[in-house]
Amino acid sequence: MILKQSTIVFLAIVSLFLQVFLLISLISFFTGFYSAYIAFSGGDPKLIAGHISSGIVISLIQMVPALVGYFISYMLIKNKRVNDFALLKSALKFFAYLWLLFIPIGTVLGAKLLTKLNKG
């Protein structure tokens, strides 16, 4: 499938915008665990479990748009004309390394994206 240059630019911007949710998801995940660590001194296990579960659930909800952005970027990488955009490739490499932090599914997705970027 051959895409016009304006379509590639639009999809690249949408993909990068959606993958920013990945960074927000990581921040909210660690914020939830930090809140649980702070609440640990109180000794209430329900409060600690609540902070941990809220961090996990919020980060999983924020992963949905990031996954959509991932699949858009993967589709763009399959297009051979995307290699002309150096900034897009470096941004996608950054997000691929971020995907590696989400064990186990994100690790597979990040590795797949990195191999596709290195081949292209």
PDB file of N, CA and C in Angstrom:
ATOM      1  N   MET A   1       0.849  -1.169   0.000  1.00  0.00           N
ATOM      2  CA  MET A   1       0.000   0.000   0.000  1.00  0.00           C
ATOM      3  C   MET A   1       0.897   1.234   0.000  1.00  0.00           C
ATOM      4  N   ILE A   2       0.715   2.085  -0.995  1.00  0.00           N
ATOM      5  CA  ILE A   2       1.508   3.305  -1.125  1.00  0.00           C
ATOM      6  C   ILE A   2       0.695   4.454  -0.537  1.00  0.00           C
ATOM      7  N   LEU A   3       1.316   5.167   0.375  1.00  0.00           N
ATOM      8  CA  LEU A   3       0.660   6.298   1.020  1.00  0.00           C
ATOM      9  C   LEU A   3       1.269   7.595   0.530  1.00  0.00           C
ATOM     10  N   LYS A   4       0.449   8.642   0.455  1.00  0.00           N
ATOM     11  CA  LYS A   4       0.962   9.963   0.105  1.00  0.00           C
ATOM     12  C   LYS A   4       1.785  10.502   1.262  1.00  0.00           C
ATOM     13  N   GLN A   5       2.634  11.479   0.954  1.00  0.00           N
ATOM     14  CA  GLN A   5       3.499  12.032   1.989  1.00  0.00           C
ATOM     15  C   GLN A   5       2.689  12.747   3.067  1.00  0.00           C
ATOM     16  N   SER A   6       1.620  13.443   2.690  1.00  0.00           N
ATOM     17  CA  SER A   6       0.800  14.134   3.689  1.00  0.00           C
ATOM     18  C   SER A   6       0.099  13.135   4.609  1.00  0.00           C
ATOM     19  N   THR A   7      -0.304  12.004   4.066  1.00  0.00           N
ATOM     20  CA  THR A   7      -0.926  10.968   4.884  1.00  0.00           C
ATOM     21  C   THR A   7       0.084  10.364   5.851  1.00  0.00           C
ATOM     22  N   ILE A   8       1.306  10.170   5.383  1.00  0.00           N
ATOM     23  CA  ILE A   8       2.351   9.625   6.256  1.00  0.00           C
ATOM     24  C   ILE A   8       2.637  10.574   7.404  1.00  0.00           C
ATOM     25  N   VAL A   9       2.727  11.863   7.109  1.00  0.00           N
ATOM     26  CA  VAL A   9       3.000  12.855   8.158  1.00  0.00           C
ATOM     27  C   VAL A   9       1.861  12.894   9.163  1.00  0.00           C
ATOM     28  N   PHE A  10       0.622  12.873   8.678  1.00  0.00           N
ATOM     29  CA  PHE A  10      -0.534  12.897   9.583  1.00  0.00           C
ATOM     30  C   PHE A  10      -0.557  11.660  10.479  1.00  0.00           C
ATOM     31  N   LEU A  11      -0.358  10.493   9.886  1.00  0.00           N
ATOM     32  CA  LEU A  11      -0.365   9.259  10.680  1.00  0.00           C
ATOM     33  C   LEU A  11       0.810   9.209  11.652  1.00  0.00           C
ATOM     34  N   ALA A  12       1.935   9.776  11.258  1.00  0.00           N
ATOM     35  CA  ALA A  12       3.087   9.810  12.165  1.00  0.00           C
ATOM     36  C   ALA A  12       2.799  10.688  13.372  1.00  0.00           C
ATOM     37  N   ILE A  13       2.182  11.839  13.152  1.00  0.00           N
ATOM     38  CA  ILE A  13       1.842  12.731  14.266  1.00  0.00           C
ATOM     39  C   ILE A  13       0.826  12.068  15.183  1.00  0.00           C
ATOM     40  N   VAL A  14      -0.183  11.431  14.612  1.00  0.00           N
ATOM     41  CA  VAL A  14      -1.194  10.740  15.419  1.00  0.00           C
ATOM     42  C   VAL A  14      -0.553   9.598  16.208  1.00  0.00           C
ATOM     43  N   SER A  15       0.318   8.844  15.556  1.00  0.00           N
ATOM     44  CA  SER A  15       0.983   7.730  16.227  1.00  0.00           C
ATOM     45  C   SER A  15       1.844   8.205  17.390  1.00  0.00           C
ATOM     46  N   LEU A  16       2.612   9.254  17.176  1.00  0.00           N
ATOM     47  CA  LEU A  16       3.468   9.763  18.253  1.00  0.00           C
ATOM     48  C   LEU A  16       2.638  10.337  19.387  1.00  0.00           C
ATOM     49  N   PHE A  17       1.550  11.026  19.047  1.00  0.00           N
ATOM     50  CA  PHE A  17       0.673  11.576  20.083  1.00  0.00           C
ATOM     51  C   PHE A  17       0.054  10.459  20.918  1.00  0.00           C
ATOM     52  N   LEU A  18      -0.386   9.393  20.270  1.00  0.00           N
ATOM     53  CA  LEU A  18      -0.997   8.287  21.005  1.00  0.00           C
ATOM     54  C   LEU A  18       0.027   7.523  21.837  1.00  0.00           C
ATOM     55  N   GLN A  19       1.250   7.444  21.351  1.00  0.00           N
ATOM     56  CA  GLN A  19       2.255   6.712  22.116  1.00  0.00           C
ATOM     57  C   GLN A  19       2.780   7.509  23.304  1.00  0.00           C
ATOM     58  N   VAL A  20       2.461   8.790  23.377  1.00  0.00           N
ATOM     59  CA  VAL A  20       2.801   9.567  24.578  1.00  0.00           C
ATOM     60  C   VAL A  20       2.048   9.004  25.781  1.00  0.00           C
ATOM     61  N   PHE A  21       0.893   8.379  25.530  1.00  0.00           N
ATOM     62  CA  PHE A  21       0.151   7.735  26.616  1.00  0.00           C
ATOM     63  C   PHE A  21       0.974   6.626  27.270  1.00  0.00           C
ATOM     64  N   LEU A  22       1.920   6.062  26.546  1.00  0.00           N
ATOM     65  CA  LEU A  22       2.812   5.057  27.121  1.00  0.00           C
ATOM     66  C   LEU A  22       3.668   5.670  28.220  1.00  0.00           C
ATOM     67  N   LEU A  23       4.194   6.854  27.965  1.00  0.00           N
ATOM     68  CA  LEU A  23       5.002   7.541  28.972  1.00  0.00           C
ATOM     69  C   LEU A  23       4.152   7.947  30.168  1.00  0.00           C
ATOM     70  N   ILE A  24       2.947   8.432  29.895  1.00  0.00           N
ATOM     71  CA  ILE A  24       2.030   8.799  30.979  1.00  0.00           C
ATOM     72  C   ILE A  24       1.658   7.560  31.792  1.00  0.00           C
ATOM     73  N   SER A  25       1.494   6.438  31.112  1.00  0.00           N
ATOM     74  CA  SER A  25       1.163   5.190  31.794  1.00  0.00           C
ATOM     75  C   SER A  25       2.284   4.750  32.733  1.00  0.00           C
ATOM     76  N   LEU A  26       3.510   4.875  32.284  1.00  0.00           N
ATOM     77  CA  LEU A  26       4.641   4.529  33.154  1.00  0.00           C
ATOM     78  C   LEU A  26       4.696   5.430  34.377  1.00  0.00           C
ATOM     79  N   ILE A  27       4.450   6.716  34.173  1.00  0.00           N
ATOM     80  CA  ILE A  27       4.477   7.662  35.288  1.00  0.00           C
ATOM     81  C   ILE A  27       3.377   7.344  36.290  1.00  0.00           C
ATOM     82  N   SER A  28       2.165   7.060  35.811  1.00  0.00           N
ATOM     83  CA  SER A  28       1.072   6.765  36.739  1.00  0.00           C
ATOM     84  C   SER A  28       1.292   5.426  37.448  1.00  0.00           C
ATOM     85  N   PHE A  29       1.915   4.472  36.771  1.00  0.00           N
ATOM     86  CA  PHE A  29       2.225   3.184  37.393  1.00  0.00           C
ATOM     87  C   PHE A  29       3.178   3.370  38.566  1.00  0.00           C
ATOM     88  N   PHE A  30       4.253   4.100  38.346  1.00  0.00           N
ATOM     89  CA  PHE A  30       5.227   4.306  39.419  1.00  0.00           C
ATOM     90  C   PHE A  30       4.702   5.245  40.494  1.00  0.00           C
ATOM     91  N   THR A  31       3.813   6.158  40.135  1.00  0.00           N
ATOM     92  CA  THR A  31       3.188   7.017  41.137  1.00  0.00           C
ATOM     93  C   THR A  31       2.300   6.198  42.069  1.00  0.00           C
ATOM     94  N   GLY A  32       1.557   5.234  41.518  1.00  0.00           N
ATOM     95  CA  GLY A  32       0.728   4.361  42.346  1.00  0.00           C
ATOM     96  C   GLY A  32       1.552   3.530  43.307  1.00  0.00           C
ATOM     97  N   PHE A  33       2.674   3.016  42.827  1.00  0.00           N
ATOM     98  CA  PHE A  33       3.535   2.234  43.715  1.00  0.00           C
ATOM     99  C   PHE A  33       4.235   3.118  44.740  1.00  0.00           C
ATOM    100  N   TYR A  34       4.559   4.342  44.372  1.00  0.00           N
ATOM    101  CA  TYR A  34       5.158   5.258  45.341  1.00  0.00           C
ATOM    102  C   TYR A  34       4.142   5.615  46.428  1.00  0.00           C
ATOM    103  N   SER A  35       2.886   5.810  46.033  1.00  0.00           N
ATOM    104  CA  SER A  35       1.838   6.086  47.023  1.00  0.00           C
ATOM    105  C   SER A  35       1.654   4.900  47.967  1.00  0.00           C
ATOM    106  N   ALA A  36       1.758   3.694  47.434  1.00  0.00           N
ATOM    107  CA  ALA A  36       1.665   2.505  48.289  1.00  0.00           C
ATOM    108  C   ALA A  36       2.849   2.430  49.239  1.00  0.00           C
ATOM    109  N   TYR A  37       4.012   2.826  48.779  1.00  0.00           N
ATOM    110  CA  TYR A  37       5.199   2.832  49.637  1.00  0.00           C
ATOM    111  C   TYR A  37       5.039   3.846  50.764  1.00  0.00           C
ATOM    112  N   ILE A  38       4.477   5.007  50.451  1.00  0.00           N
ATOM    113  CA  ILE A  38       4.242   6.032  51.470  1.00  0.00           C
ATOM    114  C   ILE A  38       3.187   5.548  52.466  1.00  0.00           C
ATOM    115  N   ALA A  39       2.143   4.864  51.968  1.00  0.00           N
ATOM    116  CA  ALA A  39       1.074   4.381  52.840  1.00  0.00           C
ATOM    117  C   ALA A  39       1.499   3.163  53.656  1.00  0.00           C
ATOM    118  N   PHE A  40       2.636   2.567  53.326  1.00  0.00           N
ATOM    119  CA  PHE A  40       3.110   1.375  54.030  1.00  0.00           C
ATOM    120  C   PHE A  40       3.379   1.655  55.505  1.00  0.00           C
ATOM    121  N   SER A  41       3.782   2.883  55.821  1.00  0.00           N
ATOM    122  CA  SER A  41       4.085   3.203  57.223  1.00  0.00           C
ATOM    123  C   SER A  41       2.823   3.214  58.082  1.00  0.00           C
ATOM    124  N   GLY A  42       1.659   3.429  57.457  1.00  0.00           N
ATOM    125  CA  GLY A  42       0.403   3.421  58.205  1.00  0.00           C
ATOM    126  C   GLY A  42      -0.011   2.030  58.636  1.00  0.00           C
ATOM    127  N   GLY A  43       0.396   1.020  57.892  1.00  0.00           N
ATOM    128  CA  GLY A  43       0.115  -0.356  58.268  1.00  0.00           C
ATOM    129  C   GLY A  43      -1.244  -0.867  57.828  1.00  0.00           C
ATOM    130  N   ASP A  44      -2.002  -0.097  57.053  1.00  0.00           N
ATOM    131  CA  ASP A  44      -3.316  -0.542  56.595  1.00  0.00           C
ATOM    132  C   ASP A  44      -3.146  -1.288  55.268  1.00  0.00           C
ATOM    133  N   PRO A  45      -3.344  -2.603  55.250  1.00  0.00           N
ATOM    134  CA  PRO A  45      -3.111  -3.351  54.016  1.00  0.00           C
ATOM    135  C   PRO A  45      -4.115  -3.024  52.912  1.00  0.00           C
ATOM    136  N   LYS A  46      -5.341  -2.647  53.281  1.00  0.00           N
ATOM    137  CA  LYS A  46      -6.324  -2.296  52.256  1.00  0.00           C
ATOM    138  C   LYS A  46      -5.927  -1.013  51.537  1.00  0.00           C
ATOM    139  N   LEU A  47      -5.369  -0.072  52.271  1.00  0.00           N
ATOM    140  CA  LEU A  47      -4.922   1.180  51.665  1.00  0.00           C
ATOM    141  C   LEU A  47      -3.743   0.937  50.726  1.00  0.00           C
ATOM    142  N   ILE A  48      -2.834   0.091  51.153  1.00  0.00           N
ATOM    143  CA  ILE A  48      -1.675  -0.230  50.315  1.00  0.00           C
ATOM    144  C   ILE A  48      -2.121  -0.948  49.043  1.00  0.00           C
ATOM    145  N   ALA A  49      -3.006  -1.921  49.194  1.00  0.00           N
ATOM    146  CA  ALA A  49      -3.520  -2.653  48.033  1.00  0.00           C
ATOM    147  C   ALA A  49      -4.303  -1.735  47.107  1.00  0.00           C
ATOM    148  N   GLY A  50      -5.016  -0.773  47.672  1.00  0.00           N
ATOM    149  CA  GLY A  50      -5.760   0.181  46.856  1.00  0.00           C
ATOM    150  C   GLY A  50      -4.842   1.042  46.007  1.00  0.00           C
ATOM    151  N   HIS A  51      -3.736   1.489  46.588  1.00  0.00           N
ATOM    152  CA  HIS A  51      -2.787   2.298  45.824  1.00  0.00           C
ATOM    153  C   HIS A  51      -2.113   1.481  44.722  1.00  0.00           C
ATOM    154  N   ILE A  52      -1.764   0.251  45.038  1.00  0.00           N
ATOM    155  CA  ILE A  52      -1.129  -0.602  44.030  1.00  0.00           C
ATOM    156  C   ILE A  52      -2.097  -0.907  42.892  1.00  0.00           C
ATOM    157  N   SER A  53      -3.330  -1.277  43.244  1.00  0.00           N
ATOM    158  CA  SER A  53      -4.294  -1.620  42.196  1.00  0.00           C
ATOM    159  C   SER A  53      -4.683  -0.404  41.371  1.00  0.00           C
ATOM    160  N   SER A  54      -4.776   0.769  41.991  1.00  0.00           N
ATOM    161  CA  SER A  54      -5.109   1.959  41.204  1.00  0.00           C
ATOM    162  C   SER A  54      -3.983   2.302  40.242  1.00  0.00           C
ATOM    163  N   GLY A  55      -2.735   2.123  40.667  1.00  0.00           N
ATOM    164  CA  GLY A  55      -1.617   2.369  39.760  1.00  0.00           C
ATOM    165  C   GLY A  55      -1.620   1.423  38.576  1.00  0.00           C
ATOM    166  N   ILE A  56      -1.931   0.155  38.832  1.00  0.00           N
ATOM    167  CA  ILE A  56      -1.945  -0.833  37.756  1.00  0.00           C
ATOM    168  C   ILE A  56      -3.123  -0.601  36.816  1.00  0.00           C
ATOM    169  N   VAL A  57      -4.310  -0.381  37.372  1.00  0.00           N
ATOM    170  CA  VAL A  57      -5.506  -0.222  36.534  1.00  0.00           C
ATOM    171  C   VAL A  57      -5.413   1.036  35.681  1.00  0.00           C
ATOM    172  N   ILE A  58      -4.978   2.134  36.263  1.00  0.00           N
ATOM    173  CA  ILE A  58      -4.869   3.378  35.496  1.00  0.00           C
ATOM    174  C   ILE A  58      -3.838   3.231  34.383  1.00  0.00           C
ATOM    175  N   SER A  59      -2.727   2.572  34.672  1.00  0.00           N
ATOM    176  CA  SER A  59      -1.718   2.403  33.622  1.00  0.00           C
ATOM    177  C   SER A  59      -2.216   1.480  32.512  1.00  0.00           C
ATOM    178  N   LEU A  60      -3.012   0.472  32.852  1.00  0.00           N
ATOM    179  CA  LEU A  60      -3.560  -0.404  31.813  1.00  0.00           C
ATOM    180  C   LEU A  60      -4.594   0.313  30.954  1.00  0.00           C
ATOM    181  N   ILE A  61      -5.369   1.196  31.554  1.00  0.00           N
ATOM    182  CA  ILE A  61      -6.334   1.976  30.773  1.00  0.00           C
ATOM    183  C   ILE A  61      -5.606   2.906  29.810  1.00  0.00           C
ATOM    184  N   GLN A  62      -4.507   3.474  30.265  1.00  0.00           N
ATOM    185  CA  GLN A  62      -3.751   4.383  29.410  1.00  0.00           C
ATOM    186  C   GLN A  62      -2.964   3.641  28.334  1.00  0.00           C
ATOM    187  N   MET A  63      -2.844   2.343  28.451  1.00  0.00           N
ATOM    188  CA  MET A  63      -2.138   1.560  27.442  1.00  0.00           C
ATOM    189  C   MET A  63      -2.952   1.368  26.166  1.00  0.00           C
ATOM    190  N   VAL A  64      -4.268   1.508  26.242  1.00  0.00           N
ATOM    191  CA  VAL A  64      -5.113   1.262  25.069  1.00  0.00           C
ATOM    192  C   VAL A  64      -4.786   2.235  23.933  1.00  0.00           C
ATOM    193  N   PRO A  65      -4.776   3.571  24.177  1.00  0.00           N
ATOM    194  CA  PRO A  65      -4.402   4.446  23.064  1.00  0.00           C
ATOM    195  C   PRO A  65      -2.943   4.268  22.639  1.00  0.00           C
ATOM    196  N   ALA A  66      -2.081   3.887  23.571  1.00  0.00           N
ATOM    197  CA  ALA A  66      -0.679   3.655  23.210  1.00  0.00           C
ATOM    198  C   ALA A  66      -0.551   2.455  22.276  1.00  0.00           C
ATOM    199  N   LEU A  67      -1.378   1.432  22.486  1.00  0.00           N
ATOM    200  CA  LEU A  67      -1.366   0.275  21.584  1.00  0.00           C
ATOM    201  C   LEU A  67      -1.846   0.647  20.186  1.00  0.00           C
ATOM    202  N   VAL A  68      -2.855   1.509  20.119  1.00  0.00           N
ATOM    203  CA  VAL A  68      -3.331   1.977  18.813  1.00  0.00           C
ATOM    204  C   VAL A  68      -2.211   2.733  18.103  1.00  0.00           C
ATOM    205  N   GLY A  69      -1.517   3.591  18.839  1.00  0.00           N
ATOM    206  CA  GLY A  69      -0.385   4.316  18.268  1.00  0.00           C
ATOM    207  C   GLY A  69       0.733   3.387  17.831  1.00  0.00           C
ATOM    208  N   TYR A  70       0.941   2.311  18.586  1.00  0.00           N
ATOM    209  CA  TYR A  70       1.964   1.329  18.207  1.00  0.00           C
ATOM    210  C   TYR A  70       1.624   0.687  16.870  1.00  0.00           C
ATOM    211  N   PHE A  71       0.387   0.266  16.701  1.00  0.00           N
ATOM    212  CA  PHE A  71       0.021  -0.411  15.462  1.00  0.00           C
ATOM    213  C   PHE A  71       0.044   0.544  14.272  1.00  0.00           C
ATOM    214  N   ILE A  72      -0.284   1.820  14.496  1.00  0.00           N
ATOM    215  CA  ILE A  72      -0.153   2.807  13.422  1.00  0.00           C
ATOM    216  C   ILE A  72       1.314   2.966  13.039  1.00  0.00           C
ATOM    217  N   SER A  73       2.184   3.056  14.037  1.00  0.00           N
ATOM    218  CA  SER A  73       3.611   3.218  13.735  1.00  0.00           C
ATOM    219  C   SER A  73       4.181   1.974  13.061  1.00  0.00           C
ATOM    220  N   TYR A  74       3.715   0.806  13.455  1.00  0.00           N
ATOM    221  CA  TYR A  74       4.185  -0.421  12.811  1.00  0.00           C
ATOM    222  C   TYR A  74       3.751  -0.459  11.350  1.00  0.00           C
ATOM    223  N   MET A  75       2.533   0.020  11.086  1.00  0.00           N
ATOM    224  CA  MET A  75       2.063   0.088   9.709  1.00  0.00           C
ATOM    225  C   MET A  75       2.901   1.092   8.910  1.00  0.00           C
ATOM    226  N   LEU A  76       3.278   2.199   9.546  1.00  0.00           N
ATOM    227  CA  LEU A  76       4.096   3.198   8.861  1.00  0.00           C
ATOM    228  C   LEU A  76       5.499   2.670   8.559  1.00  0.00           C
ATOM    229  N   ILE A  77       6.052   1.887   9.452  1.00  0.00           N
ATOM    230  CA  ILE A  77       7.396   1.356   9.229  1.00  0.00           C
ATOM    231  C   ILE A  77       7.397   0.368   8.064  1.00  0.00           C
ATOM    232  N   LYS A  78       6.301  -0.355   7.892  1.00  0.00           N
ATOM    233  CA  LYS A  78       6.211  -1.285   6.768  1.00  0.00           C
ATOM    234  C   LYS A  78       6.227  -0.542   5.436  1.00  0.00           C
ATOM    235  N   ASN A  79       5.775   0.728   5.451  1.00  0.00           N
ATOM    236  CA  ASN A  79       5.818   1.551   4.254  1.00  0.00           C
ATOM    237  C   ASN A  79       7.262   2.000   4.033  1.00  0.00           C
ATOM    238  N   LYS A  80       7.790   1.814   2.854  1.00  0.00           N
ATOM    239  CA  LYS A  80       9.205   2.089   2.604  1.00  0.00           C
ATOM    240  C   LYS A  80       9.521   3.588   2.555  1.00  0.00           C
ATOM    241  N   ARG A  81       8.547   4.451   2.324  1.00  0.00           N
ATOM    242  CA  ARG A  81       8.821   5.884   2.221  1.00  0.00           C
ATOM    243  C   ARG A  81       9.002   6.542   3.577  1.00  0.00           C
ATOM    244  N   VAL A  82       8.733   5.843   4.649  1.00  0.00           N
ATOM    245  CA  VAL A  82       8.845   6.430   5.982  1.00  0.00           C
ATOM    246  C   VAL A  82      10.312   6.606   6.382  1.00  0.00           C
ATOM    247  N   ASN A  83      11.228   5.952   5.692  1.00  0.00           N
ATOM    248  CA  ASN A  83      12.648   6.080   6.011  1.00  0.00           C
ATOM    249  C   ASN A  83      13.180   7.474   5.708  1.00  0.00           C
ATOM    250  N   ASP A  84      12.426   8.282   4.972  1.00  0.00           N
ATOM    251  CA  ASP A  84      12.852   9.644   4.671  1.00  0.00           C
ATOM    252  C   ASP A  84      12.745  10.560   5.883  1.00  0.00           C
ATOM    253  N   PHE A  85      11.971  10.186   6.881  1.00  0.00           N
ATOM    254  CA  PHE A  85      11.731  11.037   8.043  1.00  0.00           C
ATOM    255  C   PHE A  85      12.627  10.587   9.198  1.00  0.00           C
ATOM    256  N   ALA A  86      13.751  11.272   9.361  1.00  0.00           N
ATOM    257  CA  ALA A  86      14.723  10.879  10.394  1.00  0.00           C
ATOM    258  C   ALA A  86      14.180  11.133  11.796  1.00  0.00           C
ATOM    259  N   LEU A  87      13.439  12.225  11.968  1.00  0.00           N
ATOM    260  CA  LEU A  87      12.890  12.539  13.286  1.00  0.00           C
ATOM    261  C   LEU A  87      11.866  11.488  13.714  1.00  0.00           C
ATOM    262  N   LEU A  88      11.072  11.022  12.773  1.00  0.00           N
ATOM    263  CA  LEU A  88      10.087   9.984  13.081  1.00  0.00           C
ATOM    264  C   LEU A  88      10.783   8.694  13.510  1.00  0.00           C
ATOM    265  N   LYS A  89      11.842   8.326  12.802  1.00  0.00           N
ATOM    266  CA  LYS A  89      12.543   7.090  13.157  1.00  0.00           C
ATOM    267  C   LYS A  89      13.161   7.173  14.546  1.00  0.00           C
ATOM    268  N   SER A  90      13.730   8.330  14.892  1.00  0.00           N
ATOM    269  CA  SER A  90      14.335   8.448  16.224  1.00  0.00           C
ATOM    270  C   SER A  90      13.272   8.460  17.314  1.00  0.00           C
ATOM    271  N   ALA A  91      12.123   9.104  17.050  1.00  0.00           N
ATOM    272  CA  ALA A  91      11.036   9.108  18.037  1.00  0.00           C
ATOM    273  C   ALA A  91      10.460   7.708  18.206  1.00  0.00           C
ATOM    274  N   LEU A  92      10.306   6.988  17.112  1.00  0.00           N
ATOM    275  CA  LEU A  92       9.795   5.619  17.203  1.00  0.00           C
ATOM    276  C   LEU A  92      10.774   4.698  17.919  1.00  0.00           C
ATOM    277  N   LYS A  93      12.064   4.954  17.759  1.00  0.00           N
ATOM    278  CA  LYS A  93      13.056   4.155  18.485  1.00  0.00           C
ATOM    279  C   LYS A  93      12.959   4.419  19.983  1.00  0.00           C
ATOM    280  N   PHE A  94      12.725   5.689  20.358  1.00  0.00           N
ATOM    281  CA  PHE A  94      12.543   6.031  21.772  1.00  0.00           C
ATOM    282  C   PHE A  94      11.338   5.298  22.352  1.00  0.00           C
ATOM    283  N   PHE A  95      10.212   5.324  21.625  1.00  0.00           N
ATOM    284  CA  PHE A  95       9.019   4.648  22.120  1.00  0.00           C
ATOM    285  C   PHE A  95       9.196   3.130  22.120  1.00  0.00           C
ATOM    286  N   ALA A  96       9.971   2.601  21.192  1.00  0.00           N
ATOM    287  CA  ALA A  96      10.232   1.155  21.196  1.00  0.00           C
ATOM    288  C   ALA A  96      10.993   0.751  22.451  1.00  0.00           C
ATOM    289  N   TYR A  97      11.945   1.585  22.872  1.00  0.00           N
ATOM    290  CA  TYR A  97      12.653   1.289  24.120  1.00  0.00           C
ATOM    291  C   TYR A  97      11.718   1.418  25.323  1.00  0.00           C
ATOM    292  N   LEU A  98      10.767   2.354  25.265  1.00  0.00           N
ATOM    293  CA  LEU A  98       9.789   2.448  26.352  1.00  0.00           C
ATOM    294  C   LEU A  98       8.888   1.220  26.398  1.00  0.00           C
ATOM    295  N   TRP A  99       8.543   0.691  25.226  1.00  0.00           N
ATOM    296  CA  TRP A  99       7.705  -0.508  25.185  1.00  0.00           C
ATOM    297  C   TRP A  99       8.403  -1.685  25.852  1.00  0.00           C
ATOM    298  N   LEU A 100       9.734  -1.694  25.808  1.00  0.00           N
ATOM    299  CA  LEU A 100      10.471  -2.803  26.419  1.00  0.00           C
ATOM    300  C   LEU A 100      10.249  -2.885  27.923  1.00  0.00           C
ATOM    301  N   LEU A 101       9.844  -1.786  28.549  1.00  0.00           N
ATOM    302  CA  LEU A 101       9.645  -1.770  29.995  1.00  0.00           C
ATOM    303  C   LEU A 101       8.364  -2.471  30.438  1.00  0.00           C
ATOM    304  N   PHE A 102       7.419  -2.654  29.529  1.00  0.00           N
ATOM    305  CA  PHE A 102       6.153  -3.298  29.880  1.00  0.00           C
ATOM    306  C   PHE A 102       6.261  -4.798  29.648  1.00  0.00           C
ATOM    307  N   ILE A 103       6.563  -5.505  30.716  1.00  0.00           N
ATOM    308  CA  ILE A 103       6.781  -6.947  30.657  1.00  0.00           C
ATOM    309  C   ILE A 103       5.427  -7.645  30.754  1.00  0.00           C
ATOM    310  N   PRO A 104       5.107  -8.676  30.022  1.00  0.00           N
ATOM    311  CA  PRO A 104       5.814  -9.359  28.960  1.00  0.00           C
ATOM    312  C   PRO A 104       5.406  -8.891  27.574  1.00  0.00           C
ATOM    313  N   ILE A 105       4.169  -8.387  27.419  1.00  0.00           N
ATOM    314  CA  ILE A 105       3.664  -8.071  26.077  1.00  0.00           C
ATOM    315  C   ILE A 105       4.411  -6.899  25.466  1.00  0.00           C
ATOM    316  N   GLY A 106       4.625  -5.862  26.253  1.00  0.00           N
ATOM    317  CA  GLY A 106       5.322  -4.690  25.731  1.00  0.00           C
ATOM    318  C   GLY A 106       6.741  -5.001  25.322  1.00  0.00           C
ATOM    319  N   THR A 107       7.365  -5.948  25.993  1.00  0.00           N
ATOM    320  CA  THR A 107       8.729  -6.330  25.637  1.00  0.00           C
ATOM    321  C   THR A 107       8.765  -6.947  24.248  1.00  0.00           C
ATOM    322  N   VAL A 108       7.801  -7.791  23.960  1.00  0.00           N
ATOM    323  CA  VAL A 108       7.727  -8.416  22.637  1.00  0.00           C
ATOM    324  C   VAL A 108       7.440  -7.357  21.579  1.00  0.00           C
ATOM    325  N   LEU A 109       6.499  -6.450  21.864  1.00  0.00           N
ATOM    326  CA  LEU A 109       6.157  -5.409  20.899  1.00  0.00           C
ATOM    327  C   LEU A 109       7.335  -4.469  20.660  1.00  0.00           C
ATOM    328  N   GLY A 110       8.025  -4.089  21.731  1.00  0.00           N
ATOM    329  CA  GLY A 110       9.174  -3.201  21.588  1.00  0.00           C
ATOM    330  C   GLY A 110      10.302  -3.846  20.807  1.00  0.00           C
ATOM    331  N   ALA A 111      10.557  -5.117  21.058  1.00  0.00           N
ATOM    332  CA  ALA A 111      11.609  -5.820  20.321  1.00  0.00           C
ATOM    333  C   ALA A 111      11.249  -5.945  18.849  1.00  0.00           C
ATOM    334  N   LYS A 112       9.978  -6.195  18.574  1.00  0.00           N
ATOM    335  CA  LYS A 112       9.536  -6.310  17.182  1.00  0.00           C
ATOM    336  C   LYS A 112       9.682  -4.976  16.460  1.00  0.00           C
ATOM    337  N   LEU A 113       9.327  -3.880  17.146  1.00  0.00           N
ATOM    338  CA  LEU A 113       9.446  -2.555  16.546  1.00  0.00           C
ATOM    339  C   LEU A 113      10.912  -2.187  16.319  1.00  0.00           C
ATOM    340  N   LEU A 114      11.776  -2.523  17.266  1.00  0.00           N
ATOM    341  CA  LEU A 114      13.201  -2.221  17.102  1.00  0.00           C
ATOM    342  C   LEU A 114      13.819  -3.004  15.944  1.00  0.00           C
ATOM    343  N   THR A 115      13.457  -4.271  15.797  1.00  0.00           N
ATOM    344  CA  THR A 115      14.006  -5.041  14.680  1.00  0.00           C
ATOM    345  C   THR A 115      13.493  -4.514  13.352  1.00  0.00           C
ATOM    346  N   LYS A 116      12.246  -4.087  13.321  1.00  0.00           N
ATOM    347  CA  LYS A 116      11.694  -3.528  12.086  1.00  0.00           C
ATOM    348  C   LYS A 116      12.374  -2.204  11.749  1.00  0.00           C
ATOM    349  N   LEU A 117      12.669  -1.383  12.771  1.00  0.00           N
ATOM    350  CA  LEU A 117      13.354  -0.112  12.540  1.00  0.00           C
ATOM    351  C   LEU A 117      14.785  -0.332  12.061  1.00  0.00           C
ATOM    352  N   ASN A 118      15.466  -1.317  12.603  1.00  0.00           N
ATOM    353  CA  ASN A 118      16.851  -1.566  12.209  1.00  0.00           C
ATOM    354  C   ASN A 118      16.961  -2.163  10.816  1.00  0.00           C
ATOM    355  N   LYS A 119      15.953  -2.936  10.407  1.00  0.00           N
ATOM    356  CA  LYS A 119      15.968  -3.497   9.055  1.00  0.00           C
ATOM    357  C   LYS A 119      15.681  -2.430   8.008  1.00  0.00           C
ATOM    358  N   GLY A 120      14.805  -1.471   8.367  1.00  0.00           N
ATOM    359  CA  GLY A 120      14.383  -0.441   7.407  1.00  0.00           C
ATOM    360  C   GLY A 120      15.361   0.623   7.298  1.00  0.00           C
TER     361      GLY A 120
END
